[in-house]
Amino acid sequence: MNSPALLLPQQTLQKKKPADVVISKRAQEILEAIHTYRFVTAWDITRLFYSPTSINHVRELLALLSGKNDYQDRTYLYRFPLPTTRIGNTEKIYTLGSRGRAYLQSCGMDIDWYFRPYKFQFTDDVMTYYQPCLHALTLTRFLVASQVFGKKSQEWELTTMRTEYALKKEIAEEQAKKQAVTVTLTPDKGKEEEQVTVVPDAWLQFHQRTGKKGSWHPVFLEIDRATEQQKHFKRQIRARALFLANGGYKKLFGTNKGVIAYATTGNDTRLSSMRMWTQEVLTQLNMKKLSSRFLFCSLTPSWEQDETSLFLAPLWFRALDKHSVPLLA
């Protein structure tokens, strides 16, 4: 997904009552998946539940659940378009609508989040709208790739997936976890110390079926859209290095194992910059020994269609090592 200049479509609110829809078992599974991922496209749902040739069927099903209109109220799914410069139909984004939340609650699920359209209105500062959408969708694509990889592989399985959304809820409800993810950054002279909360975009745990017990490979995932400047990125790396060093990581996830993986949609220049900035931070903190815990990858074109390469091909780089390695090594 690129970030071109944008033409802003006119938003037309649809107020007519949506048609009644019978929720099948598969439709319920889709609603549950969208609750997990928050924002999806038809391609994501196709990858999770159908073969690639079923994309048109999936679009029809999602359209039915969203009242066949953008910005439709009182539907199972709320649909809105992704801004684009292309003429014609644009890619649609889906999230839970009010009826979808109510349905899942009636099934016993705890649904404490709901989409607030006013936070995604088109404004003069369109990037305020555009970038969060792209970040969320890139995260969804990576998580879907993780799920598909685990299903297809004979050797690997995805045993745990904790999204940022779920982790933030856990942290808000448990004081011990809130303390674990809070680190203190010492600023430059003349400035006060800063308390920073460290929460990944997702935490994944893969199990490799080798030997009697196999091996475990946790991944602390961060999606990078190449929008953060050097100062902010270094601040983030500093916080995560301290999170590893002070035991917060183990307290939150119950293990010392794992890598902090940055997947960027930027080019090789961005990849090199991220590695260099990380090296500088770790050197300043006298924590070069943590360099092997940080991995970086520039996502290749059509990366979401080749989940095996994403996890097992040598596409990832450490901060201080010239040689590429697989994410699950």
C-alpha atoms as a PDB file:
ATOM      1  CA  MET A   1       0.000   0.000   0.000  1.00  0.00           C
ATOM      2  CA  ASN A   2       1.487   3.302  -1.054  1.00  0.00           C
ATOM      3  CA  SER A   3       0.735   6.795   0.220  1.00  0.00           C
ATOM      4  CA  PRO A   4      -0.203   8.872  -2.831  1.00  0.00           C
ATOM      5  CA  ALA A   5      -1.761  12.307  -2.866  1.00  0.00           C
ATOM      6  CA  LEU A   6      -5.431  11.925  -2.143  1.00  0.00           C
ATOM      7  CA  LEU A   7      -8.723  12.796  -3.712  1.00  0.00           C
ATOM      8  CA  LEU A   8     -11.320  13.030  -0.988  1.00  0.00           C
ATOM      9  CA  PRO A   9     -14.653  11.361  -1.729  1.00  0.00           C
ATOM     10  CA  GLN A  10     -17.811  13.007  -0.518  1.00  0.00           C
ATOM     11  CA  GLN A  11     -19.239  11.299   2.559  1.00  0.00           C
ATOM     12  CA  THR A  12     -22.924  10.561   2.280  1.00  0.00           C
ATOM     13  CA  LEU A  13     -24.572   9.286   5.426  1.00  0.00           C
ATOM     14  CA  GLN A  14     -27.103   6.532   4.820  1.00  0.00           C
ATOM     15  CA  LYS A  15     -29.999   6.584   7.266  1.00  0.00           C
ATOM     16  CA  LYS A  16     -32.403   4.059   5.800  1.00  0.00           C
ATOM     17  CA  LYS A  17     -33.029   0.901   7.790  1.00  0.00           C
ATOM     18  CA  PRO A  18     -30.785  -1.958   6.630  1.00  0.00           C
ATOM     19  CA  ALA A  19     -32.283  -5.216   5.443  1.00  0.00           C
ATOM     20  CA  ASP A  20     -32.487  -8.096   7.888  1.00  0.00           C
ATOM     21  CA  VAL A  21     -29.550 -10.490   7.655  1.00  0.00           C
ATOM     22  CA  VAL A  22     -29.372 -14.055   8.932  1.00  0.00           C
ATOM     23  CA  ILE A  23     -26.021 -14.633  10.614  1.00  0.00           C
ATOM     24  CA  SER A  24     -24.567 -17.986   9.566  1.00  0.00           C
ATOM     25  CA  LYS A  25     -21.747 -19.753  11.388  1.00  0.00           C
ATOM     26  CA  ARG A  26     -19.231 -18.406   8.878  1.00  0.00           C
ATOM     27  CA  ALA A  27     -20.642 -14.877   9.184  1.00  0.00           C
ATOM     28  CA  GLN A  28     -20.230 -15.108  12.944  1.00  0.00           C
ATOM     29  CA  GLU A  29     -16.620 -16.224  12.489  1.00  0.00           C
ATOM     30  CA  ILE A  30     -16.041 -13.201  10.281  1.00  0.00           C
ATOM     31  CA  LEU A  31     -17.537 -10.855  12.868  1.00  0.00           C
ATOM     32  CA  GLU A  32     -15.317 -12.391  15.544  1.00  0.00           C
ATOM     33  CA  ALA A  33     -12.237 -12.005  13.343  1.00  0.00           C
ATOM     34  CA  ILE A  34     -13.034  -8.367  12.642  1.00  0.00           C
ATOM     35  CA  HIS A  35     -13.428  -7.779  16.363  1.00  0.00           C
ATOM     36  CA  THR A  36      -9.889  -9.145  16.792  1.00  0.00           C
ATOM     37  CA  TYR A  37      -8.272  -7.227  13.939  1.00  0.00           C
ATOM     38  CA  ARG A  38     -10.471  -4.080  14.164  1.00  0.00           C
ATOM     39  CA  PHE A  39      -9.975  -3.043  10.511  1.00  0.00           C
ATOM     40  CA  VAL A  40      -9.992  -5.420   7.525  1.00  0.00           C
ATOM     41  CA  THR A  41     -10.517  -5.554   3.780  1.00  0.00           C
ATOM     42  CA  ALA A  42     -12.207  -8.224   1.678  1.00  0.00           C
ATOM     43  CA  TRP A  43      -8.770  -9.615   0.832  1.00  0.00           C
ATOM     44  CA  ASP A  44      -7.970 -10.200   4.508  1.00  0.00           C
ATOM     45  CA  ILE A  45     -11.204 -12.113   5.093  1.00  0.00           C
ATOM     46  CA  THR A  46     -10.620 -14.132   1.928  1.00  0.00           C
ATOM     47  CA  ARG A  47      -7.156 -15.118   3.116  1.00  0.00           C
ATOM     48  CA  LEU A  48      -8.491 -16.182   6.508  1.00  0.00           C
ATOM     49  CA  PHE A  49     -11.527 -18.206   5.476  1.00  0.00           C
ATOM     50  CA  TYR A  50     -11.656 -18.801   1.713  1.00  0.00           C
ATOM     51  CA  SER A  51      -9.615 -19.582  -1.382  1.00  0.00           C
ATOM     52  CA  PRO A  52      -8.339 -16.619  -3.464  1.00  0.00           C
ATOM     53  CA  THR A  53     -10.918 -17.313  -6.168  1.00  0.00           C
ATOM     54  CA  SER A  54     -13.713 -16.557  -3.672  1.00  0.00           C
ATOM     55  CA  ILE A  55     -12.894 -12.855  -3.395  1.00  0.00           C
ATOM     56  CA  ASN A  56     -16.079 -11.746  -5.203  1.00  0.00           C
ATOM     57  CA  HIS A  57     -18.225 -13.915  -2.926  1.00  0.00           C
ATOM     58  CA  VAL A  58     -16.512 -12.385   0.100  1.00  0.00           C
ATOM     59  CA  ARG A  59     -17.137  -8.871  -1.192  1.00  0.00           C
ATOM     60  CA  GLU A  60     -20.831  -9.683  -1.627  1.00  0.00           C
ATOM     61  CA  LEU A  61     -21.062 -11.116   1.893  1.00  0.00           C
ATOM     62  CA  LEU A  62     -19.295  -8.141   3.473  1.00  0.00           C
ATOM     63  CA  ALA A  63     -21.476  -5.764   1.456  1.00  0.00           C
ATOM     64  CA  LEU A  64     -24.591  -7.478   2.797  1.00  0.00           C
ATOM     65  CA  LEU A  65     -23.329  -7.247   6.383  1.00  0.00           C
ATOM     66  CA  SER A  66     -22.599  -3.548   5.898  1.00  0.00           C
ATOM     67  CA  GLY A  67     -25.957  -2.613   4.390  1.00  0.00           C
ATOM     68  CA  LYS A  68     -24.458  -2.377   0.880  1.00  0.00           C
ATOM     69  CA  ASN A  69     -23.445   1.220   1.511  1.00  0.00           C
ATOM     70  CA  ASP A  70     -20.555   3.216   2.872  1.00  0.00           C
ATOM     71  CA  TYR A  71     -21.147   4.979   6.204  1.00  0.00           C
ATOM     72  CA  GLN A  72     -24.307   2.931   6.859  1.00  0.00           C
ATOM     73  CA  ASP A  73     -25.553   3.057  10.446  1.00  0.00           C
ATOM     74  CA  ARG A  74     -27.107   0.189  12.449  1.00  0.00           C
ATOM     75  CA  THR A  75     -25.391  -2.604  10.486  1.00  0.00           C
ATOM     76  CA  TYR A  76     -23.298  -5.617  11.414  1.00  0.00           C
ATOM     77  CA  LEU A  77     -20.281  -4.046   9.726  1.00  0.00           C
ATOM     78  CA  TYR A  78     -19.437  -0.404   9.174  1.00  0.00           C
ATOM     79  CA  ARG A  79     -17.866   0.229   5.774  1.00  0.00           C
ATOM     80  CA  PHE A  80     -15.883   3.186   4.497  1.00  0.00           C
ATOM     81  CA  PRO A  81     -13.501   3.718   1.557  1.00  0.00           C
ATOM     82  CA  LEU A  82      -9.757   4.073   1.725  1.00  0.00           C
ATOM     83  CA  PRO A  83      -8.721   7.416   0.171  1.00  0.00           C
ATOM     84  CA  THR A  84      -7.135   7.034  -3.247  1.00  0.00           C
ATOM     85  CA  THR A  85      -6.271   8.942  -6.397  1.00  0.00           C
ATOM     86  CA  ARG A  86      -7.708   6.227  -8.616  1.00  0.00           C
ATOM     87  CA  ILE A  87     -10.889   6.808 -10.552  1.00  0.00           C
ATOM     88  CA  GLY A  88     -13.615   4.252  -9.940  1.00  0.00           C
ATOM     89  CA  ASN A  89     -14.245   1.904  -7.057  1.00  0.00           C
ATOM     90  CA  THR A  90     -11.912   2.215  -4.102  1.00  0.00           C
ATOM     91  CA  GLU A  91     -10.869  -0.433  -1.604  1.00  0.00           C
ATOM     92  CA  LYS A  92     -13.350  -0.736   1.250  1.00  0.00           C
ATOM     93  CA  ILE A  93     -12.426  -0.961   4.899  1.00  0.00           C
ATOM     94  CA  TYR A  94     -14.680  -2.867   7.307  1.00  0.00           C
ATOM     95  CA  THR A  95     -15.005  -2.671  11.067  1.00  0.00           C
ATOM     96  CA  LEU A  96     -17.697  -3.788  13.508  1.00  0.00           C
ATOM     97  CA  GLY A  97     -20.975  -1.904  13.288  1.00  0.00           C
ATOM     98  CA  SER A  98     -23.490  -1.454  16.110  1.00  0.00           C
ATOM     99  CA  ARG A  99     -25.482  -4.588  15.216  1.00  0.00           C
ATOM    100  CA  GLY A 100     -22.287  -6.609  14.934  1.00  0.00           C
ATOM    101  CA  ARG A 101     -21.210  -5.570  18.424  1.00  0.00           C
ATOM    102  CA  ALA A 102     -24.651  -6.349  19.829  1.00  0.00           C
ATOM    103  CA  TYR A 103     -24.692  -9.752  18.141  1.00  0.00           C
ATOM    104  CA  LEU A 104     -21.294 -10.761  19.527  1.00  0.00           C
ATOM    105  CA  GLN A 105     -22.302  -9.543  22.977  1.00  0.00           C
ATOM    106  CA  SER A 106     -25.407 -11.745  22.754  1.00  0.00           C
ATOM    107  CA  CYS A 107     -23.041 -14.656  22.067  1.00  0.00           C
ATOM    108  CA  GLY A 108     -21.234 -13.972  25.322  1.00  0.00           C
ATOM    109  CA  MET A 109     -18.258 -11.996  24.012  1.00  0.00           C
ATOM    110  CA  ASP A 110     -16.928  -9.005  25.914  1.00  0.00           C
ATOM    111  CA  ILE A 111     -17.053  -6.149  23.419  1.00  0.00           C
ATOM    112  CA  ASP A 112     -15.749  -2.946  24.961  1.00  0.00           C
ATOM    113  CA  TRP A 113     -14.579  -1.139  21.804  1.00  0.00           C
ATOM    114  CA  TYR A 114     -16.599   0.529  19.115  1.00  0.00           C
ATOM    115  CA  PHE A 115     -15.700   2.449  15.993  1.00  0.00           C
ATOM    116  CA  ARG A 116     -16.036   6.217  16.259  1.00  0.00           C
ATOM    117  CA  PRO A 117     -16.491   7.564  12.723  1.00  0.00           C
ATOM    118  CA  TYR A 118     -15.910  11.156  13.818  1.00  0.00           C
ATOM    119  CA  LYS A 119     -12.293  10.222  14.536  1.00  0.00           C
ATOM    120  CA  PHE A 120     -11.876   9.243  10.895  1.00  0.00           C
ATOM    121  CA  GLN A 121     -13.509  12.213   9.202  1.00  0.00           C
ATOM    122  CA  PHE A 122     -11.864  13.719   6.139  1.00  0.00           C
ATOM    123  CA  THR A 123     -10.264  17.012   7.105  1.00  0.00           C
ATOM    124  CA  ASP A 124      -7.779  19.435   5.620  1.00  0.00           C
ATOM    125  CA  ASP A 125      -5.087  17.450   7.424  1.00  0.00           C
ATOM    126  CA  VAL A 126      -5.953  14.240   5.598  1.00  0.00           C
ATOM    127  CA  MET A 127      -2.892  12.387   6.896  1.00  0.00           C
ATOM    128  CA  THR A 128      -4.494  12.427  10.348  1.00  0.00           C
ATOM    129  CA  TYR A 129      -7.072  10.092   8.810  1.00  0.00           C
ATOM    130  CA  TYR A 130      -5.009   8.283   6.221  1.00  0.00           C
ATOM    131  CA  GLN A 131      -1.937   7.077   8.097  1.00  0.00           C
ATOM    132  CA  PRO A 132      -3.743   5.457  11.063  1.00  0.00           C
ATOM    133  CA  CYS A 133      -5.871   3.516   8.577  1.00  0.00           C
ATOM    134  CA  LEU A 134      -2.843   2.316   6.648  1.00  0.00           C
ATOM    135  CA  HIS A 135      -1.013   1.372   9.828  1.00  0.00           C
ATOM    136  CA  ALA A 136      -4.001  -0.619  11.102  1.00  0.00           C
ATOM    137  CA  LEU A 137      -4.460  -2.365   7.756  1.00  0.00           C
ATOM    138  CA  THR A 138      -0.758  -3.216   7.461  1.00  0.00           C
ATOM    139  CA  LEU A 139      -0.912  -4.708  10.947  1.00  0.00           C
ATOM    140  CA  THR A 140      -3.989  -6.717   9.950  1.00  0.00           C
ATOM    141  CA  ARG A 141      -2.184  -8.015   6.850  1.00  0.00           C
ATOM    142  CA  PHE A 142       0.791  -9.145   8.930  1.00  0.00           C
ATOM    143  CA  LEU A 143      -1.398 -10.848  11.528  1.00  0.00           C
ATOM    144  CA  VAL A 144      -3.448 -12.566   8.826  1.00  0.00           C
ATOM    145  CA  ALA A 145      -0.203 -13.762   7.228  1.00  0.00           C
ATOM    146  CA  SER A 146       0.804 -15.153  10.628  1.00  0.00           C
ATOM    147  CA  GLN A 147      -2.476 -17.052  10.922  1.00  0.00           C
ATOM    148  CA  VAL A 148      -2.274 -18.430   7.395  1.00  0.00           C
ATOM    149  CA  PHE A 149       1.370 -19.433   7.873  1.00  0.00           C
ATOM    150  CA  GLY A 150       0.484 -21.353  11.026  1.00  0.00           C
ATOM    151  CA  LYS A 151      -2.388 -23.144   9.310  1.00  0.00           C
ATOM    152  CA  LYS A 152      -0.419 -24.158   6.222  1.00  0.00           C
ATOM    153  CA  SER A 153       2.880 -25.130   7.807  1.00  0.00           C
ATOM    154  CA  GLN A 154       3.557 -28.711   8.855  1.00  0.00           C
ATOM    155  CA  GLU A 155       6.440 -27.600  11.089  1.00  0.00           C
ATOM    156  CA  TRP A 156       5.218 -24.339  12.630  1.00  0.00           C
ATOM    157  CA  GLU A 157       2.099 -23.258  14.481  1.00  0.00           C
ATOM    158  CA  LEU A 158       0.972 -19.893  15.807  1.00  0.00           C
ATOM    159  CA  THR A 159       0.015 -20.573  19.415  1.00  0.00           C
ATOM    160  CA  THR A 160      -0.510 -17.037  20.714  1.00  0.00           C
ATOM    161  CA  MET A 161      -1.559 -13.736  19.157  1.00  0.00           C
ATOM    162  CA  ARG A 162      -2.005 -10.769  21.474  1.00  0.00           C
ATOM    163  CA  THR A 163      -2.818  -7.573  19.622  1.00  0.00           C
ATOM    164  CA  GLU A 164      -2.106  -4.062  20.831  1.00  0.00           C
ATOM    165  CA  TYR A 165      -5.849  -3.671  21.389  1.00  0.00           C
ATOM    166  CA  ALA A 166      -6.039  -6.695  23.695  1.00  0.00           C
ATOM    167  CA  LEU A 167      -2.795  -5.857  25.492  1.00  0.00           C
ATOM    168  CA  LYS A 168      -3.924  -2.320  26.288  1.00  0.00           C
ATOM    169  CA  LYS A 169      -7.076  -3.727  27.833  1.00  0.00           C
ATOM    170  CA  GLU A 170      -5.058  -6.182  29.951  1.00  0.00           C
ATOM    171  CA  ILE A 171      -2.730  -3.415  31.096  1.00  0.00           C
ATOM    172  CA  ALA A 172      -5.593  -1.100  32.028  1.00  0.00           C
ATOM    173  CA  GLU A 173      -7.177  -3.830  34.171  1.00  0.00           C
ATOM    174  CA  GLU A 174      -4.054  -5.109  35.983  1.00  0.00           C
ATOM    175  CA  GLN A 175      -1.765  -2.822  37.954  1.00  0.00           C
ATOM    176  CA  ALA A 176       1.162  -5.270  37.807  1.00  0.00           C
ATOM    177  CA  LYS A 177       1.091  -5.270  34.018  1.00  0.00           C
ATOM    178  CA  LYS A 178       0.804  -1.478  33.944  1.00  0.00           C
ATOM    179  CA  GLN A 179       3.956  -1.246  36.044  1.00  0.00           C
ATOM    180  CA  ALA A 180       5.728  -3.806  33.851  1.00  0.00           C
ATOM    181  CA  VAL A 181       5.220  -1.808  30.657  1.00  0.00           C
ATOM    182  CA  THR A 182       6.177   1.552  32.150  1.00  0.00           C
ATOM    183  CA  VAL A 183       9.786   2.624  31.690  1.00  0.00           C
ATOM    184  CA  THR A 184      11.553   5.827  32.687  1.00  0.00           C
ATOM    185  CA  LEU A 185      13.498   7.690  30.029  1.00  0.00           C
ATOM    186  CA  THR A 186      16.262   9.986  31.188  1.00  0.00           C
ATOM    187  CA  PRO A 187      16.185  13.064  28.931  1.00  0.00           C
ATOM    188  CA  ASP A 188      18.843  15.580  28.022  1.00  0.00           C
ATOM    189  CA  LYS A 189      20.098  17.990  30.643  1.00  0.00           C
ATOM    190  CA  GLY A 190      17.545  20.495  31.848  1.00  0.00           C
ATOM    191  CA  LYS A 191      14.542  18.280  31.160  1.00  0.00           C
ATOM    192  CA  GLU A 192      12.471  16.112  33.465  1.00  0.00           C
ATOM    193  CA  GLU A 193      12.346  12.330  33.362  1.00  0.00           C
ATOM    194  CA  GLU A 194       9.628  10.865  31.163  1.00  0.00           C
ATOM    195  CA  GLN A 195       7.388   7.876  31.855  1.00  0.00           C
ATOM    196  CA  VAL A 196       6.737   5.858  28.693  1.00  0.00           C
ATOM    197  CA  THR A 197       4.404   2.905  28.183  1.00  0.00           C
ATOM    198  CA  VAL A 198       5.776   0.116  25.975  1.00  0.00           C
ATOM    199  CA  VAL A 199       3.098  -1.790  24.061  1.00  0.00           C
ATOM    200  CA  PRO A 200       3.784  -3.563  20.738  1.00  0.00           C
ATOM    201  CA  ASP A 201       1.466  -3.620  17.768  1.00  0.00           C
ATOM    202  CA  ALA A 202       1.211  -7.336  18.506  1.00  0.00           C
ATOM    203  CA  TRP A 203       2.973 -10.141  20.350  1.00  0.00           C
ATOM    204  CA  LEU A 204       3.090 -13.470  18.544  1.00  0.00           C
ATOM    205  CA  GLN A 205       4.375 -16.816  19.726  1.00  0.00           C
ATOM    206  CA  PHE A 206       5.251 -19.539  17.249  1.00  0.00           C
ATOM    207  CA  HIS A 207       5.948 -23.167  18.117  1.00  0.00           C
ATOM    208  CA  GLN A 208       8.287 -25.219  15.971  1.00  0.00           C
ATOM    209  CA  ARG A 209       7.445 -28.907  16.060  1.00  0.00           C
ATOM    210  CA  THR A 210      10.942 -30.349  16.363  1.00  0.00           C
ATOM    211  CA  GLY A 211      12.157 -32.978  18.803  1.00  0.00           C
ATOM    212  CA  LYS A 212      10.027 -34.075  21.729  1.00  0.00           C
ATOM    213  CA  LYS A 213       9.025 -30.637  22.946  1.00  0.00           C
ATOM    214  CA  GLY A 214       9.854 -28.405  20.001  1.00  0.00           C
ATOM    215  CA  SER A 215      10.984 -24.801  20.380  1.00  0.00           C
ATOM    216  CA  TRP A 216       9.234 -21.489  21.021  1.00  0.00           C
ATOM    217  CA  HIS A 217       9.794 -18.283  19.048  1.00  0.00           C
ATOM    218  CA  PRO A 218       8.086 -15.132  20.390  1.00  0.00           C
ATOM    219  CA  VAL A 219       7.888 -12.019  18.190  1.00  0.00           C
ATOM    220  CA  PHE A 220       7.308  -8.521  19.595  1.00  0.00           C
ATOM    221  CA  LEU A 221       5.928  -6.935  16.414  1.00  0.00           C
ATOM    222  CA  GLU A 222       6.105  -3.291  15.377  1.00  0.00           C
ATOM    223  CA  ILE A 223       4.707  -1.977  12.084  1.00  0.00           C
ATOM    224  CA  ASP A 224       6.594   0.990  10.639  1.00  0.00           C
ATOM    225  CA  ARG A 225       5.027   3.185   7.958  1.00  0.00           C
ATOM    226  CA  ALA A 226       8.217   5.273   7.534  1.00  0.00           C
ATOM    227  CA  THR A 227       6.461   8.307   9.006  1.00  0.00           C
ATOM    228  CA  GLU A 228       8.365   8.601  12.299  1.00  0.00           C
ATOM    229  CA  GLN A 229      11.352  10.930  12.332  1.00  0.00           C
ATOM    230  CA  GLN A 230      14.705  10.009  13.861  1.00  0.00           C
ATOM    231  CA  LYS A 231      14.057  11.595  17.257  1.00  0.00           C
ATOM    232  CA  HIS A 232      10.773   9.782  17.835  1.00  0.00           C
ATOM    233  CA  PHE A 233      12.088   6.465  16.499  1.00  0.00           C
ATOM    234  CA  LYS A 234      15.167   6.580  18.748  1.00  0.00           C
ATOM    235  CA  ARG A 235      12.919   7.343  21.722  1.00  0.00           C
ATOM    236  CA  GLN A 236      10.889   4.241  20.885  1.00  0.00           C
ATOM    237  CA  ILE A 237      13.991   2.044  20.590  1.00  0.00           C
ATOM    238  CA  ARG A 238      15.356   3.396  23.872  1.00  0.00           C
ATOM    239  CA  ALA A 239      12.098   2.526  25.646  1.00  0.00           C
ATOM    240  CA  ARG A 240      12.053  -1.000  24.231  1.00  0.00           C
ATOM    241  CA  ALA A 241      15.677  -1.653  25.114  1.00  0.00           C
ATOM    242  CA  LEU A 242      15.010  -0.614  28.716  1.00  0.00           C
ATOM    243  CA  PHE A 243      11.838  -2.717  28.680  1.00  0.00           C
ATOM    244  CA  LEU A 244      13.980  -5.758  27.881  1.00  0.00           C
ATOM    245  CA  ALA A 245      16.757  -4.869  30.316  1.00  0.00           C
ATOM    246  CA  ASN A 246      14.635  -4.042  33.369  1.00  0.00           C
ATOM    247  CA  GLY A 247      12.555  -7.231  33.260  1.00  0.00           C
ATOM    248  CA  GLY A 248       9.317  -5.636  32.088  1.00  0.00           C
ATOM    249  CA  TYR A 249       9.224  -7.864  29.021  1.00  0.00           C
ATOM    250  CA  LYS A 250       9.403 -11.049  31.096  1.00  0.00           C
ATOM    251  CA  LYS A 251       6.792  -9.791  33.561  1.00  0.00           C
ATOM    252  CA  LEU A 252       4.316  -9.057  30.777  1.00  0.00           C
ATOM    253  CA  PHE A 253       4.911 -12.068  28.531  1.00  0.00           C
ATOM    254  CA  GLY A 254       6.245 -14.671  30.970  1.00  0.00           C
ATOM    255  CA  THR A 255       9.449 -15.342  29.050  1.00  0.00           C
ATOM    256  CA  ASN A 256      12.800 -13.734  28.275  1.00  0.00           C
ATOM    257  CA  LYS A 257      12.806 -15.172  24.767  1.00  0.00           C
ATOM    258  CA  GLY A 258      11.837 -13.309  21.663  1.00  0.00           C
ATOM    259  CA  VAL A 259      12.840 -10.654  19.154  1.00  0.00           C
ATOM    260  CA  ILE A 260      11.581  -7.134  18.615  1.00  0.00           C
ATOM    261  CA  ALA A 261      10.714  -7.125  14.913  1.00  0.00           C
ATOM    262  CA  TYR A 262      10.190  -3.936  12.919  1.00  0.00           C
ATOM    263  CA  ALA A 263       8.437  -4.503   9.598  1.00  0.00           C
ATOM    264  CA  THR A 264       8.537  -1.347   7.500  1.00  0.00           C
ATOM    265  CA  THR A 265       6.687  -0.439   4.340  1.00  0.00           C
ATOM    266  CA  GLY A 266       9.551   1.962   3.615  1.00  0.00           C
ATOM    267  CA  ASN A 267      12.389   1.301   1.193  1.00  0.00           C
ATOM    268  CA  ASP A 268      15.952   0.125   1.799  1.00  0.00           C
ATOM    269  CA  THR A 269      17.003   3.631   2.831  1.00  0.00           C
ATOM    270  CA  ARG A 270      14.429   3.556   5.614  1.00  0.00           C
ATOM    271  CA  LEU A 271      15.606   0.079   6.599  1.00  0.00           C
ATOM    272  CA  SER A 272      19.219   1.272   6.847  1.00  0.00           C
ATOM    273  CA  SER A 273      18.201   4.322   8.871  1.00  0.00           C
ATOM    274  CA  MET A 274      16.244   2.238  11.381  1.00  0.00           C
ATOM    275  CA  ARG A 275      19.197  -0.088  11.879  1.00  0.00           C
ATOM    276  CA  MET A 276      21.654   2.783  12.248  1.00  0.00           C
ATOM    277  CA  TRP A 277      19.455   4.651  14.744  1.00  0.00           C
ATOM    278  CA  THR A 278      19.009   1.469  16.783  1.00  0.00           C
ATOM    279  CA  GLN A 279      22.758   0.871  16.823  1.00  0.00           C
ATOM    280  CA  GLU A 280      23.340   4.437  18.045  1.00  0.00           C
ATOM    281  CA  VAL A 281      20.788   4.079  20.845  1.00  0.00           C
ATOM    282  CA  LEU A 282      22.131   0.736  22.047  1.00  0.00           C
ATOM    283  CA  THR A 283      25.679   2.091  21.995  1.00  0.00           C
ATOM    284  CA  GLN A 284      24.626   5.136  24.010  1.00  0.00           C
ATOM    285  CA  LEU A 285      22.867   2.897  26.553  1.00  0.00           C
ATOM    286  CA  ASN A 286      25.823   0.506  26.659  1.00  0.00           C
ATOM    287  CA  MET A 287      23.448  -2.278  25.633  1.00  0.00           C
ATOM    288  CA  LYS A 288      25.029  -3.576  22.427  1.00  0.00           C
ATOM    289  CA  LYS A 289      24.408  -7.090  23.715  1.00  0.00           C
ATOM    290  CA  LEU A 290      20.722  -6.515  22.921  1.00  0.00           C
ATOM    291  CA  SER A 291      21.423  -5.847  19.248  1.00  0.00           C
ATOM    292  CA  SER A 292      20.582  -9.452  18.310  1.00  0.00           C
ATOM    293  CA  ARG A 293      17.100  -8.954  19.798  1.00  0.00           C
ATOM    294  CA  PHE A 294      16.163  -6.284  17.236  1.00  0.00           C
ATOM    295  CA  LEU A 295      15.249  -7.351  13.676  1.00  0.00           C
ATOM    296  CA  PHE A 296      14.253  -5.167  10.720  1.00  0.00           C
ATOM    297  CA  CYS A 297      12.636  -5.940   7.384  1.00  0.00           C
ATOM    298  CA  SER A 298      11.549  -3.862   4.413  1.00  0.00           C
ATOM    299  CA  LEU A 299       8.350  -5.508   3.228  1.00  0.00           C
ATOM    300  CA  THR A 300       8.680  -6.556  -0.392  1.00  0.00           C
ATOM    301  CA  PRO A 301       5.960  -6.008  -3.018  1.00  0.00           C
ATOM    302  CA  SER A 302       3.118  -8.500  -2.548  1.00  0.00           C
ATOM    303  CA  TRP A 303       4.698  -9.630   0.732  1.00  0.00           C
ATOM    304  CA  GLU A 304       1.306 -10.511   2.201  1.00  0.00           C
ATOM    305  CA  GLN A 305       0.820 -13.194  -0.463  1.00  0.00           C
ATOM    306  CA  ASP A 306       3.965 -15.138   0.487  1.00  0.00           C
ATOM    307  CA  GLU A 307       3.738 -15.804   4.201  1.00  0.00           C
ATOM    308  CA  THR A 308       6.352 -18.577   4.106  1.00  0.00           C
ATOM    309  CA  SER A 309       9.048 -16.202   2.854  1.00  0.00           C
ATOM    310  CA  LEU A 310       7.964 -13.537   5.333  1.00  0.00           C
ATOM    311  CA  PHE A 311       8.762 -15.832   8.251  1.00  0.00           C
ATOM    312  CA  LEU A 312      11.339 -18.299   6.965  1.00  0.00           C
ATOM    313  CA  ALA A 313      13.326 -16.531   4.222  1.00  0.00           C
ATOM    314  CA  PRO A 314      16.412 -14.452   5.163  1.00  0.00           C
ATOM    315  CA  LEU A 315      14.672 -11.095   4.773  1.00  0.00           C
ATOM    316  CA  TRP A 316      15.417  -9.670   8.217  1.00  0.00           C
ATOM    317  CA  PHE A 317      18.472  -7.759   9.440  1.00  0.00           C
ATOM    318  CA  ARG A 318      19.896  -7.172  12.885  1.00  0.00           C
ATOM    319  CA  ALA A 319      21.100  -3.707  13.855  1.00  0.00           C
ATOM    320  CA  LEU A 320      24.807  -4.646  13.894  1.00  0.00           C
ATOM    321  CA  ASP A 321      24.978  -7.579  11.473  1.00  0.00           C
ATOM    322  CA  LYS A 322      25.366  -7.338   7.690  1.00  0.00           C
ATOM    323  CA  HIS A 323      23.935 -10.815   7.095  1.00  0.00           C
ATOM    324  CA  SER A 324      20.185 -11.298   6.762  1.00  0.00           C
ATOM    325  CA  VAL A 325      18.324 -13.960   8.733  1.00  0.00           C
ATOM    326  CA  PRO A 326      14.800 -15.441   8.864  1.00  0.00           C
ATOM    327  CA  LEU A 327      12.378 -13.965  11.363  1.00  0.00           C
ATOM    328  CA  LEU A 328      11.873 -17.432  12.855  1.00  0.00           C
ATOM    329  CA  ALA A 329      15.469 -18.586  13.212  1.00  0.00           C
END
